[in-house]
Amino acid sequence: MRFTSLRLVIVFFVLAGSLLGQTKAKDAVAISEGYATIGAGVRIHYLRAGQSTSKRALILIPGWRLPAFLWEEQLKTFAPVMQVIAIDPRSQGESTKTPGDNTPESRAKDLHEVLGQMGISQPVLVGWSQGAQDVAAYLQEFGADSVSGVVFVDSPVSAGPSGVEANKEFSKAILANISLYARHPKEASEGMVHSIFKKPRPDAEYQKIVQSTLQTPTDTGIAMLVMDIFGMDRRPALEKLNKPALVIASAESPLVAAQKAMAASIPGAKFLAIEGTGHAVFVDEPGKFDAALQNFLQTLPE
């Protein structure tokens, strides 16, 4: 009994020391920020960590009007093994706000230009929510050979106008929320930010995120949302994808079945639903999300 108890104590302290070491290592990771200036003087803001000399990088793309800093945990987790970049797409966060060209197709071209300036030719694109549309648009515009792999996070790729019929309840909810957002952007943004998390966040964090979402002009935000969800059928690019792909969903998403079907349509794609998460899967359960992403990265060819 004494030997067993002593062994448990030793195991406890070894594990505690390991976890403490990991926490200190994360805290020591330096995250820098910068801007890439692309066509027509548009400045794209980004956060960056890890080795900046590699041609391969993990590219993290946030959702509708949401900021790059939501990916802070992943920036710190993956920086020791590769270069990691979180993007504020145009008209979001600290990037330039433009009255036009706020579509996934335009944002994909922006991203391609930014990556070219950084010397990144083998990106692993991770698109969450609206970012999933940007990833699909990137594949459609530049082909599968332009990426090392892709990850879609809690969003199926748009079926364009036909998606209204396929997902009636979801489409009704989106259109109702557009009306609310147009009339009361601050209140709608506060409701959206609270709704994407399953687990409570500090009030200061909520307010920081809300303030970031309000940097996008309301009319621009409406145009973005309509074009993301109803603008174009981006599924054909997935059917021709010959690179590793992963779909990570919240198990509680109203579109989890659609995401599972999307994964089945992509040759060789893997699907994972994570329990106990809201839309922001990678914030609610970073450990499970990061482990899934790490496993995926290990499958990529050198």
C-alpha atoms as a PDB file:
ATOM      1  CA  MET A   1       0.000   0.000   0.000  1.00  0.00           C
ATOM      2  CA  ARG A   2       2.792   2.393   0.951  1.00  0.00           C
ATOM      3  CA  PHE A   3       4.680   1.617  -2.242  1.00  0.00           C
ATOM      4  CA  THR A   4       1.549   2.173  -4.349  1.00  0.00           C
ATOM      5  CA  SER A   5       0.798   5.476  -2.602  1.00  0.00           C
ATOM      6  CA  LEU A   6       4.367   6.646  -3.059  1.00  0.00           C
ATOM      7  CA  ARG A   7       4.239   5.722  -6.742  1.00  0.00           C
ATOM      8  CA  LEU A   8       1.019   7.727  -7.194  1.00  0.00           C
ATOM      9  CA  VAL A   9       2.593  10.729  -5.512  1.00  0.00           C
ATOM     10  CA  ILE A  10       5.621  10.495  -7.802  1.00  0.00           C
ATOM     11  CA  VAL A  11       3.407  10.205 -10.889  1.00  0.00           C
ATOM     12  CA  PHE A  12       1.392  13.205  -9.709  1.00  0.00           C
ATOM     13  CA  PHE A  13       4.458  15.402  -9.367  1.00  0.00           C
ATOM     14  CA  VAL A  14       5.921  14.241 -12.677  1.00  0.00           C
ATOM     15  CA  LEU A  15       2.673  15.117 -14.443  1.00  0.00           C
ATOM     16  CA  ALA A  16       2.359  18.410 -12.606  1.00  0.00           C
ATOM     17  CA  GLY A  17       5.929  19.298 -13.531  1.00  0.00           C
ATOM     18  CA  SER A  18       5.307  18.402 -17.156  1.00  0.00           C
ATOM     19  CA  LEU A  19       2.178  20.535 -17.305  1.00  0.00           C
ATOM     20  CA  LEU A  20       3.970  23.420 -15.595  1.00  0.00           C
ATOM     21  CA  GLY A  21       6.793  23.138 -18.111  1.00  0.00           C
ATOM     22  CA  GLN A  22       4.353  23.211 -21.010  1.00  0.00           C
ATOM     23  CA  THR A  23       2.602  26.265 -19.563  1.00  0.00           C
ATOM     24  CA  LYS A  24       5.913  28.102 -19.122  1.00  0.00           C
ATOM     25  CA  ALA A  25       6.938  27.176 -22.671  1.00  0.00           C
ATOM     26  CA  LYS A  26       3.691  28.599 -24.041  1.00  0.00           C
ATOM     27  CA  ASP A  27       4.032  31.773 -21.999  1.00  0.00           C
ATOM     28  CA  ALA A  28       7.528  32.223 -23.413  1.00  0.00           C
ATOM     29  CA  VAL A  29       6.337  32.153 -27.028  1.00  0.00           C
ATOM     30  CA  ALA A  30       6.673  35.564 -28.664  1.00  0.00           C
ATOM     31  CA  ILE A  31       3.769  36.637 -30.860  1.00  0.00           C
ATOM     32  CA  SER A  32       4.592  39.491 -33.205  1.00  0.00           C
ATOM     33  CA  GLU A  33       2.167  41.505 -35.287  1.00  0.00           C
ATOM     34  CA  GLY A  34       2.556  43.144 -38.634  1.00  0.00           C
ATOM     35  CA  TYR A  35       0.896  44.299 -41.825  1.00  0.00           C
ATOM     36  CA  ALA A  36       1.245  43.216 -45.439  1.00  0.00           C
ATOM     37  CA  THR A  37       0.289  45.853 -47.994  1.00  0.00           C
ATOM     38  CA  ILE A  38      -1.382  44.413 -51.078  1.00  0.00           C
ATOM     39  CA  GLY A  39      -3.224  45.780 -54.137  1.00  0.00           C
ATOM     40  CA  ALA A  40      -4.813  49.251 -53.933  1.00  0.00           C
ATOM     41  CA  GLY A  41      -3.018  49.925 -50.660  1.00  0.00           C
ATOM     42  CA  VAL A  42      -5.031  47.426 -48.603  1.00  0.00           C
ATOM     43  CA  ARG A  43      -3.180  46.545 -45.388  1.00  0.00           C
ATOM     44  CA  ILE A  44      -3.747  43.042 -44.019  1.00  0.00           C
ATOM     45  CA  HIS A  45      -3.004  42.697 -40.318  1.00  0.00           C
ATOM     46  CA  TYR A  46      -1.579  39.448 -38.959  1.00  0.00           C
ATOM     47  CA  LEU A  47      -0.207  37.831 -35.816  1.00  0.00           C
ATOM     48  CA  ARG A  48       2.836  35.624 -36.233  1.00  0.00           C
ATOM     49  CA  ALA A  49       4.799  33.137 -34.115  1.00  0.00           C
ATOM     50  CA  GLY A  50       7.382  30.418 -34.698  1.00  0.00           C
ATOM     51  CA  GLN A  51      10.095  30.012 -37.322  1.00  0.00           C
ATOM     52  CA  SER A  52       9.618  32.635 -40.031  1.00  0.00           C
ATOM     53  CA  THR A  53      12.011  31.052 -42.533  1.00  0.00           C
ATOM     54  CA  SER A  54       9.972  27.962 -43.374  1.00  0.00           C
ATOM     55  CA  LYS A  55       7.995  27.709 -46.605  1.00  0.00           C
ATOM     56  CA  ARG A  56       5.342  25.735 -44.714  1.00  0.00           C
ATOM     57  CA  ALA A  57       3.121  27.552 -42.230  1.00  0.00           C
ATOM     58  CA  LEU A  58      -0.109  27.062 -40.335  1.00  0.00           C
ATOM     59  CA  ILE A  59      -2.518  29.789 -41.459  1.00  0.00           C
ATOM     60  CA  LEU A  60      -5.436  30.528 -39.119  1.00  0.00           C
ATOM     61  CA  ILE A  61      -8.461  32.353 -40.555  1.00  0.00           C
ATOM     62  CA  PRO A  62     -11.229  33.621 -38.241  1.00  0.00           C
ATOM     63  CA  GLY A  63     -14.981  33.863 -38.681  1.00  0.00           C
ATOM     64  CA  TRP A  64     -17.307  36.661 -39.710  1.00  0.00           C
ATOM     65  CA  ARG A  65     -16.056  40.018 -38.325  1.00  0.00           C
ATOM     66  CA  LEU A  66     -14.071  38.156 -35.679  1.00  0.00           C
ATOM     67  CA  PRO A  67     -10.423  38.930 -34.838  1.00  0.00           C
ATOM     68  CA  ALA A  68      -7.185  37.060 -35.374  1.00  0.00           C
ATOM     69  CA  PHE A  69      -6.373  37.229 -31.665  1.00  0.00           C
ATOM     70  CA  LEU A  70      -8.945  34.509 -30.937  1.00  0.00           C
ATOM     71  CA  TRP A  71      -6.275  32.082 -32.216  1.00  0.00           C
ATOM     72  CA  GLU A  72      -3.752  33.044 -29.499  1.00  0.00           C
ATOM     73  CA  GLU A  73      -3.770  29.579 -27.908  1.00  0.00           C
ATOM     74  CA  GLN A  74      -2.949  27.919 -31.253  1.00  0.00           C
ATOM     75  CA  LEU A  75      -0.272  30.513 -32.055  1.00  0.00           C
ATOM     76  CA  LYS A  76       1.498  29.608 -28.811  1.00  0.00           C
ATOM     77  CA  THR A  77       0.891  25.858 -29.034  1.00  0.00           C
ATOM     78  CA  PHE A  78       2.201  25.306 -32.544  1.00  0.00           C
ATOM     79  CA  ALA A  79       4.968  27.940 -32.675  1.00  0.00           C
ATOM     80  CA  PRO A  80       7.619  25.526 -31.291  1.00  0.00           C
ATOM     81  CA  VAL A  81       7.145  23.196 -34.274  1.00  0.00           C
ATOM     82  CA  MET A  82       6.307  25.481 -37.189  1.00  0.00           C
ATOM     83  CA  GLN A  83       5.515  28.975 -38.321  1.00  0.00           C
ATOM     84  CA  VAL A  84       1.962  30.047 -37.359  1.00  0.00           C
ATOM     85  CA  ILE A  85       0.083  33.055 -38.730  1.00  0.00           C
ATOM     86  CA  ALA A  86      -3.383  34.316 -37.778  1.00  0.00           C
ATOM     87  CA  ILE A  87      -4.948  36.690 -40.274  1.00  0.00           C
ATOM     88  CA  ASP A  88      -7.376  39.586 -39.932  1.00  0.00           C
ATOM     89  CA  PRO A  89      -9.055  39.389 -43.364  1.00  0.00           C
ATOM     90  CA  ARG A  90      -9.863  42.649 -45.106  1.00  0.00           C
ATOM     91  CA  SER A  91     -12.593  44.705 -43.405  1.00  0.00           C
ATOM     92  CA  GLN A  92     -12.042  42.818 -40.118  1.00  0.00           C
ATOM     93  CA  GLY A  93     -10.019  43.503 -37.010  1.00  0.00           C
ATOM     94  CA  GLU A  94      -7.030  45.750 -37.667  1.00  0.00           C
ATOM     95  CA  SER A  95      -7.019  45.283 -41.457  1.00  0.00           C
ATOM     96  CA  THR A  96      -8.128  47.943 -43.945  1.00  0.00           C
ATOM     97  CA  LYS A  97     -11.885  48.398 -44.285  1.00  0.00           C
ATOM     98  CA  THR A  98     -12.935  48.475 -47.931  1.00  0.00           C
ATOM     99  CA  PRO A  99     -16.397  49.361 -49.330  1.00  0.00           C
ATOM    100  CA  GLY A 100     -16.215  46.593 -51.937  1.00  0.00           C
ATOM    101  CA  ASP A 101     -14.567  43.241 -52.696  1.00  0.00           C
ATOM    102  CA  ASN A 102     -15.703  41.755 -49.393  1.00  0.00           C
ATOM    103  CA  THR A 103     -16.221  38.228 -50.660  1.00  0.00           C
ATOM    104  CA  PRO A 104     -14.450  34.935 -49.935  1.00  0.00           C
ATOM    105  CA  GLU A 105     -13.037  35.081 -53.450  1.00  0.00           C
ATOM    106  CA  SER A 106     -11.452  38.507 -52.845  1.00  0.00           C
ATOM    107  CA  ARG A 107     -10.158  37.472 -49.449  1.00  0.00           C
ATOM    108  CA  ALA A 108      -8.610  34.343 -50.971  1.00  0.00           C
ATOM    109  CA  LYS A 109      -6.701  36.526 -53.444  1.00  0.00           C
ATOM    110  CA  ASP A 110      -5.606  38.782 -50.588  1.00  0.00           C
ATOM    111  CA  LEU A 111      -4.324  35.776 -48.647  1.00  0.00           C
ATOM    112  CA  HIS A 112      -2.453  34.391 -51.640  1.00  0.00           C
ATOM    113  CA  GLU A 113      -0.683  37.727 -52.093  1.00  0.00           C
ATOM    114  CA  VAL A 114       0.184  37.975 -48.395  1.00  0.00           C
ATOM    115  CA  LEU A 115       1.614  34.443 -48.352  1.00  0.00           C
ATOM    116  CA  GLY A 116       3.624  35.219 -51.469  1.00  0.00           C
ATOM    117  CA  GLN A 117       5.179  38.246 -49.783  1.00  0.00           C
ATOM    118  CA  MET A 118       6.080  36.081 -46.790  1.00  0.00           C
ATOM    119  CA  GLY A 119       7.650  33.370 -48.942  1.00  0.00           C
ATOM    120  CA  ILE A 120       5.132  30.750 -47.834  1.00  0.00           C
ATOM    121  CA  SER A 121       4.453  28.287 -50.650  1.00  0.00           C
ATOM    122  CA  GLN A 122       3.171  25.352 -48.563  1.00  0.00           C
ATOM    123  CA  PRO A 123       0.382  26.729 -46.347  1.00  0.00           C
ATOM    124  CA  VAL A 124      -1.847  24.589 -44.175  1.00  0.00           C
ATOM    125  CA  LEU A 125      -5.077  26.590 -44.268  1.00  0.00           C
ATOM    126  CA  VAL A 126      -7.355  26.443 -41.220  1.00  0.00           C
ATOM    127  CA  GLY A 127     -10.655  28.221 -41.814  1.00  0.00           C
ATOM    128  CA  TRP A 128     -13.232  28.680 -39.080  1.00  0.00           C
ATOM    129  CA  SER A 129     -16.842  29.654 -39.899  1.00  0.00           C
ATOM    130  CA  GLN A 130     -16.568  32.358 -42.605  1.00  0.00           C
ATOM    131  CA  GLY A 131     -12.927  31.301 -42.901  1.00  0.00           C
ATOM    132  CA  ALA A 132     -14.088  27.936 -44.270  1.00  0.00           C
ATOM    133  CA  GLN A 133     -15.539  29.812 -47.248  1.00  0.00           C
ATOM    134  CA  ASP A 134     -12.215  31.596 -47.730  1.00  0.00           C
ATOM    135  CA  VAL A 135     -10.370  28.271 -47.765  1.00  0.00           C
ATOM    136  CA  ALA A 136     -12.774  26.827 -50.343  1.00  0.00           C
ATOM    137  CA  ALA A 137     -12.438  29.966 -52.459  1.00  0.00           C
ATOM    138  CA  TYR A 138      -8.645  29.661 -52.210  1.00  0.00           C
ATOM    139  CA  LEU A 139      -8.782  26.098 -53.515  1.00  0.00           C
ATOM    140  CA  GLN A 140     -11.157  27.143 -56.276  1.00  0.00           C
ATOM    141  CA  GLU A 141      -8.919  30.017 -57.378  1.00  0.00           C
ATOM    142  CA  PHE A 142      -5.437  28.546 -56.952  1.00  0.00           C
ATOM    143  CA  GLY A 143      -5.946  24.767 -56.980  1.00  0.00           C
ATOM    144  CA  ALA A 144      -5.013  21.999 -54.582  1.00  0.00           C
ATOM    145  CA  ASP A 145      -1.307  22.240 -55.440  1.00  0.00           C
ATOM    146  CA  SER A 146      -1.230  25.647 -53.727  1.00  0.00           C
ATOM    147  CA  VAL A 147      -1.671  24.105 -50.253  1.00  0.00           C
ATOM    148  CA  SER A 148      -0.166  21.374 -48.086  1.00  0.00           C
ATOM    149  CA  GLY A 149      -3.472  20.633 -46.402  1.00  0.00           C
ATOM    150  CA  VAL A 150      -6.757  22.218 -45.298  1.00  0.00           C
ATOM    151  CA  VAL A 151      -8.847  22.211 -42.136  1.00  0.00           C
ATOM    152  CA  PHE A 152     -12.476  23.324 -41.979  1.00  0.00           C
ATOM    153  CA  VAL A 153     -13.716  24.304 -38.517  1.00  0.00           C
ATOM    154  CA  ASP A 154     -17.428  24.167 -37.651  1.00  0.00           C
ATOM    155  CA  SER A 155     -18.821  25.265 -40.985  1.00  0.00           C
ATOM    156  CA  PRO A 156     -19.850  23.488 -44.159  1.00  0.00           C
ATOM    157  CA  VAL A 157     -18.765  25.097 -47.394  1.00  0.00           C
ATOM    158  CA  SER A 158     -21.527  27.112 -49.039  1.00  0.00           C
ATOM    159  CA  ALA A 159     -23.815  25.550 -51.647  1.00  0.00           C
ATOM    160  CA  GLY A 160     -24.725  29.036 -52.897  1.00  0.00           C
ATOM    161  CA  PRO A 161     -28.376  29.966 -53.505  1.00  0.00           C
ATOM    162  CA  SER A 162     -29.410  26.306 -53.481  1.00  0.00           C
ATOM    163  CA  GLY A 163     -28.345  26.175 -49.839  1.00  0.00           C
ATOM    164  CA  VAL A 164     -31.462  28.140 -48.905  1.00  0.00           C
ATOM    165  CA  GLU A 165     -33.591  25.133 -49.790  1.00  0.00           C
ATOM    166  CA  ALA A 166     -31.169  22.552 -48.384  1.00  0.00           C
ATOM    167  CA  ASN A 167     -30.853  24.258 -44.970  1.00  0.00           C
ATOM    168  CA  LYS A 168     -34.135  26.096 -44.556  1.00  0.00           C
ATOM    169  CA  GLU A 169     -34.066  26.681 -40.810  1.00  0.00           C
ATOM    170  CA  PHE A 170     -30.443  27.815 -40.843  1.00  0.00           C
ATOM    171  CA  SER A 171     -31.131  30.179 -43.760  1.00  0.00           C
ATOM    172  CA  LYS A 172     -34.147  31.662 -41.981  1.00  0.00           C
ATOM    173  CA  ALA A 173     -32.052  32.248 -38.868  1.00  0.00           C
ATOM    174  CA  ILE A 174     -29.309  33.972 -40.867  1.00  0.00           C
ATOM    175  CA  LEU A 175     -31.760  36.267 -42.649  1.00  0.00           C
ATOM    176  CA  ALA A 176     -33.508  37.140 -39.372  1.00  0.00           C
ATOM    177  CA  ASN A 177     -30.168  37.937 -37.752  1.00  0.00           C
ATOM    178  CA  ILE A 178     -29.162  40.151 -40.702  1.00  0.00           C
ATOM    179  CA  SER A 179     -32.251  42.271 -40.084  1.00  0.00           C
ATOM    180  CA  LEU A 180     -31.458  42.548 -36.374  1.00  0.00           C
ATOM    181  CA  TYR A 181     -27.812  43.350 -37.065  1.00  0.00           C
ATOM    182  CA  ALA A 182     -28.752  46.078 -39.578  1.00  0.00           C
ATOM    183  CA  ARG A 183     -31.002  47.800 -37.023  1.00  0.00           C
ATOM    184  CA  HIS A 184     -29.000  47.174 -33.849  1.00  0.00           C
ATOM    185  CA  PRO A 185     -25.380  46.321 -34.708  1.00  0.00           C
ATOM    186  CA  LYS A 186     -23.987  46.646 -31.166  1.00  0.00           C
ATOM    187  CA  GLU A 187     -26.670  44.520 -29.528  1.00  0.00           C
ATOM    188  CA  ALA A 188     -26.532  41.934 -32.325  1.00  0.00           C
ATOM    189  CA  SER A 189     -22.747  41.756 -32.065  1.00  0.00           C
ATOM    190  CA  GLU A 190     -22.903  41.263 -28.298  1.00  0.00           C
ATOM    191  CA  GLY A 191     -25.412  38.451 -28.765  1.00  0.00           C
ATOM    192  CA  MET A 192     -23.291  36.809 -31.456  1.00  0.00           C
ATOM    193  CA  VAL A 193     -20.096  36.931 -29.405  1.00  0.00           C
ATOM    194  CA  HIS A 194     -21.778  35.372 -26.373  1.00  0.00           C
ATOM    195  CA  SER A 195     -23.407  32.692 -28.521  1.00  0.00           C
ATOM    196  CA  ILE A 196     -20.219  31.316 -30.080  1.00  0.00           C
ATOM    197  CA  PHE A 197     -18.851  30.045 -26.753  1.00  0.00           C
ATOM    198  CA  LYS A 198     -20.192  27.113 -24.780  1.00  0.00           C
ATOM    199  CA  LYS A 199     -17.997  27.861 -21.792  1.00  0.00           C
ATOM    200  CA  PRO A 200     -18.043  31.265 -20.046  1.00  0.00           C
ATOM    201  CA  ARG A 201     -15.294  33.740 -20.822  1.00  0.00           C
ATOM    202  CA  PRO A 202     -14.172  36.766 -18.773  1.00  0.00           C
ATOM    203  CA  ASP A 203     -16.338  39.853 -19.329  1.00  0.00           C
ATOM    204  CA  ALA A 204     -13.304  41.860 -20.426  1.00  0.00           C
ATOM    205  CA  GLU A 205     -12.632  39.285 -23.152  1.00  0.00           C
ATOM    206  CA  TYR A 206     -16.224  39.443 -24.380  1.00  0.00           C
ATOM    207  CA  GLN A 207     -16.038  43.219 -24.595  1.00  0.00           C
ATOM    208  CA  LYS A 208     -12.700  43.142 -26.426  1.00  0.00           C
ATOM    209  CA  ILE A 209     -14.124  40.762 -29.035  1.00  0.00           C
ATOM    210  CA  VAL A 210     -17.336  42.786 -29.430  1.00  0.00           C
ATOM    211  CA  GLN A 211     -15.363  45.977 -29.966  1.00  0.00           C
ATOM    212  CA  SER A 212     -13.328  44.241 -32.641  1.00  0.00           C
ATOM    213  CA  THR A 213     -16.459  43.031 -34.475  1.00  0.00           C
ATOM    214  CA  LEU A 214     -17.821  46.590 -34.497  1.00  0.00           C
ATOM    215  CA  GLN A 215     -14.782  47.772 -36.461  1.00  0.00           C
ATOM    216  CA  THR A 216     -16.408  46.244 -39.545  1.00  0.00           C
ATOM    217  CA  PRO A 217     -18.921  48.775 -40.980  1.00  0.00           C
ATOM    218  CA  THR A 218     -22.443  47.374 -40.718  1.00  0.00           C
ATOM    219  CA  ASP A 219     -23.252  47.542 -44.438  1.00  0.00           C
ATOM    220  CA  THR A 220     -19.957  45.799 -45.177  1.00  0.00           C
ATOM    221  CA  GLY A 221     -20.750  43.114 -42.589  1.00  0.00           C
ATOM    222  CA  ILE A 222     -24.120  42.453 -44.229  1.00  0.00           C
ATOM    223  CA  ALA A 223     -22.539  42.145 -47.672  1.00  0.00           C
ATOM    224  CA  MET A 224     -19.904  39.780 -46.313  1.00  0.00           C
ATOM    225  CA  LEU A 225     -22.430  37.489 -44.674  1.00  0.00           C
ATOM    226  CA  VAL A 226     -24.700  37.275 -47.705  1.00  0.00           C
ATOM    227  CA  MET A 227     -21.818  36.526 -50.061  1.00  0.00           C
ATOM    228  CA  ASP A 228     -20.313  33.967 -47.663  1.00  0.00           C
ATOM    229  CA  ILE A 229     -23.447  31.904 -47.253  1.00  0.00           C
ATOM    230  CA  PHE A 230     -25.549  32.514 -50.362  1.00  0.00           C
ATOM    231  CA  GLY A 231     -23.160  33.962 -52.934  1.00  0.00           C
ATOM    232  CA  MET A 232     -21.577  30.959 -54.646  1.00  0.00           C
ATOM    233  CA  ASP A 233     -21.451  27.170 -54.650  1.00  0.00           C
ATOM    234  CA  ARG A 234     -17.891  26.419 -53.503  1.00  0.00           C
ATOM    235  CA  ARG A 235     -18.312  22.658 -53.106  1.00  0.00           C
ATOM    236  CA  PRO A 236     -16.843  21.635 -56.501  1.00  0.00           C
ATOM    237  CA  ALA A 237     -13.337  22.601 -55.355  1.00  0.00           C
ATOM    238  CA  LEU A 238     -13.599  20.114 -52.484  1.00  0.00           C
ATOM    239  CA  GLU A 239     -14.529  17.174 -54.674  1.00  0.00           C
ATOM    240  CA  LYS A 240     -11.264  17.599 -56.613  1.00  0.00           C
ATOM    241  CA  LEU A 241      -9.094  18.082 -53.525  1.00  0.00           C
ATOM    242  CA  ASN A 242      -6.152  15.663 -53.489  1.00  0.00           C
ATOM    243  CA  LYS A 243      -4.438  16.983 -50.357  1.00  0.00           C
ATOM    244  CA  PRO A 244      -5.016  15.988 -46.724  1.00  0.00           C
ATOM    245  CA  ALA A 245      -8.175  17.494 -45.258  1.00  0.00           C
ATOM    246  CA  LEU A 246      -9.765  17.572 -41.810  1.00  0.00           C
ATOM    247  CA  VAL A 247     -13.225  18.729 -40.747  1.00  0.00           C
ATOM    248  CA  ILE A 248     -13.606  19.614 -37.062  1.00  0.00           C
ATOM    249  CA  ALA A 249     -17.124  20.365 -35.832  1.00  0.00           C
ATOM    250  CA  SER A 250     -18.851  21.161 -32.599  1.00  0.00           C
ATOM    251  CA  ALA A 251     -20.912  18.085 -31.737  1.00  0.00           C
ATOM    252  CA  GLU A 252     -23.734  20.502 -30.877  1.00  0.00           C
ATOM    253  CA  SER A 253     -23.655  22.438 -34.151  1.00  0.00           C
ATOM    254  CA  PRO A 254     -26.998  22.596 -35.997  1.00  0.00           C
ATOM    255  CA  LEU A 255     -24.954  21.889 -39.130  1.00  0.00           C
ATOM    256  CA  VAL A 256     -22.945  18.945 -37.815  1.00  0.00           C
ATOM    257  CA  ALA A 257     -24.636  16.534 -40.258  1.00  0.00           C
ATOM    258  CA  ALA A 258     -23.842  18.850 -43.166  1.00  0.00           C
ATOM    259  CA  GLN A 259     -20.215  19.002 -42.062  1.00  0.00           C
ATOM    260  CA  LYS A 260     -19.996  15.242 -41.812  1.00  0.00           C
ATOM    261  CA  ALA A 261     -21.443  14.949 -45.319  1.00  0.00           C
ATOM    262  CA  MET A 262     -18.933  17.526 -46.558  1.00  0.00           C
ATOM    263  CA  ALA A 263     -16.055  15.497 -45.112  1.00  0.00           C
ATOM    264  CA  ALA A 264     -17.407  12.400 -46.871  1.00  0.00           C
ATOM    265  CA  SER A 265     -17.356  14.289 -50.189  1.00  0.00           C
ATOM    266  CA  ILE A 266     -13.643  15.143 -49.878  1.00  0.00           C
ATOM    267  CA  PRO A 267     -11.358  12.262 -50.907  1.00  0.00           C
ATOM    268  CA  GLY A 268      -9.639  10.870 -47.819  1.00  0.00           C
ATOM    269  CA  ALA A 269     -10.851  13.597 -45.454  1.00  0.00           C
ATOM    270  CA  LYS A 270     -11.165  12.966 -41.721  1.00  0.00           C
ATOM    271  CA  PHE A 271     -14.091  14.140 -39.585  1.00  0.00           C
ATOM    272  CA  LEU A 272     -14.153  14.890 -35.865  1.00  0.00           C
ATOM    273  CA  ALA A 273     -16.973  16.257 -33.692  1.00  0.00           C
ATOM    274  CA  ILE A 274     -15.870  17.639 -30.321  1.00  0.00           C
ATOM    275  CA  GLU A 275     -18.325  17.450 -27.441  1.00  0.00           C
ATOM    276  CA  GLY A 276     -19.000  20.289 -25.031  1.00  0.00           C
ATOM    277  CA  THR A 277     -18.158  23.106 -27.430  1.00  0.00           C
ATOM    278  CA  GLY A 278     -19.908  26.024 -29.015  1.00  0.00           C
ATOM    279  CA  HIS A 279     -19.123  27.428 -32.450  1.00  0.00           C
ATOM    280  CA  ALA A 280     -15.676  28.536 -31.249  1.00  0.00           C
ATOM    281  CA  VAL A 281     -14.513  24.933 -30.876  1.00  0.00           C
ATOM    282  CA  PHE A 282     -10.834  25.826 -30.608  1.00  0.00           C
ATOM    283  CA  VAL A 283     -11.474  28.243 -27.717  1.00  0.00           C
ATOM    284  CA  ASP A 284     -13.913  26.090 -25.738  1.00  0.00           C
ATOM    285  CA  GLU A 285     -11.793  22.917 -25.966  1.00  0.00           C
ATOM    286  CA  PRO A 286      -8.300  23.986 -27.042  1.00  0.00           C
ATOM    287  CA  GLY A 287      -6.666  20.782 -25.790  1.00  0.00           C
ATOM    288  CA  LYS A 288      -8.857  18.492 -27.876  1.00  0.00           C
ATOM    289  CA  PHE A 289      -8.762  20.818 -30.861  1.00  0.00           C
ATOM    290  CA  ASP A 290      -4.979  21.199 -30.753  1.00  0.00           C
ATOM    291  CA  ALA A 291      -4.475  17.452 -30.385  1.00  0.00           C
ATOM    292  CA  ALA A 292      -6.617  16.809 -33.466  1.00  0.00           C
ATOM    293  CA  LEU A 293      -4.740  19.456 -35.415  1.00  0.00           C
ATOM    294  CA  GLN A 294      -1.372  18.085 -34.268  1.00  0.00           C
ATOM    295  CA  ASN A 295      -2.326  14.580 -35.394  1.00  0.00           C
ATOM    296  CA  PHE A 296      -3.408  15.993 -38.746  1.00  0.00           C
ATOM    297  CA  LEU A 297      -0.152  17.896 -39.235  1.00  0.00           C
ATOM    298  CA  GLN A 298       1.806  14.698 -38.612  1.00  0.00           C
ATOM    299  CA  THR A 299       0.066  13.080 -41.595  1.00  0.00           C
ATOM    300  CA  LEU A 300       1.236  15.735 -44.053  1.00  0.00           C
ATOM    301  CA  PRO A 301       3.971  14.702 -46.452  1.00  0.00           C
ATOM    302  CA  GLU A 302       7.304  16.470 -46.032  1.00  0.00           C
END
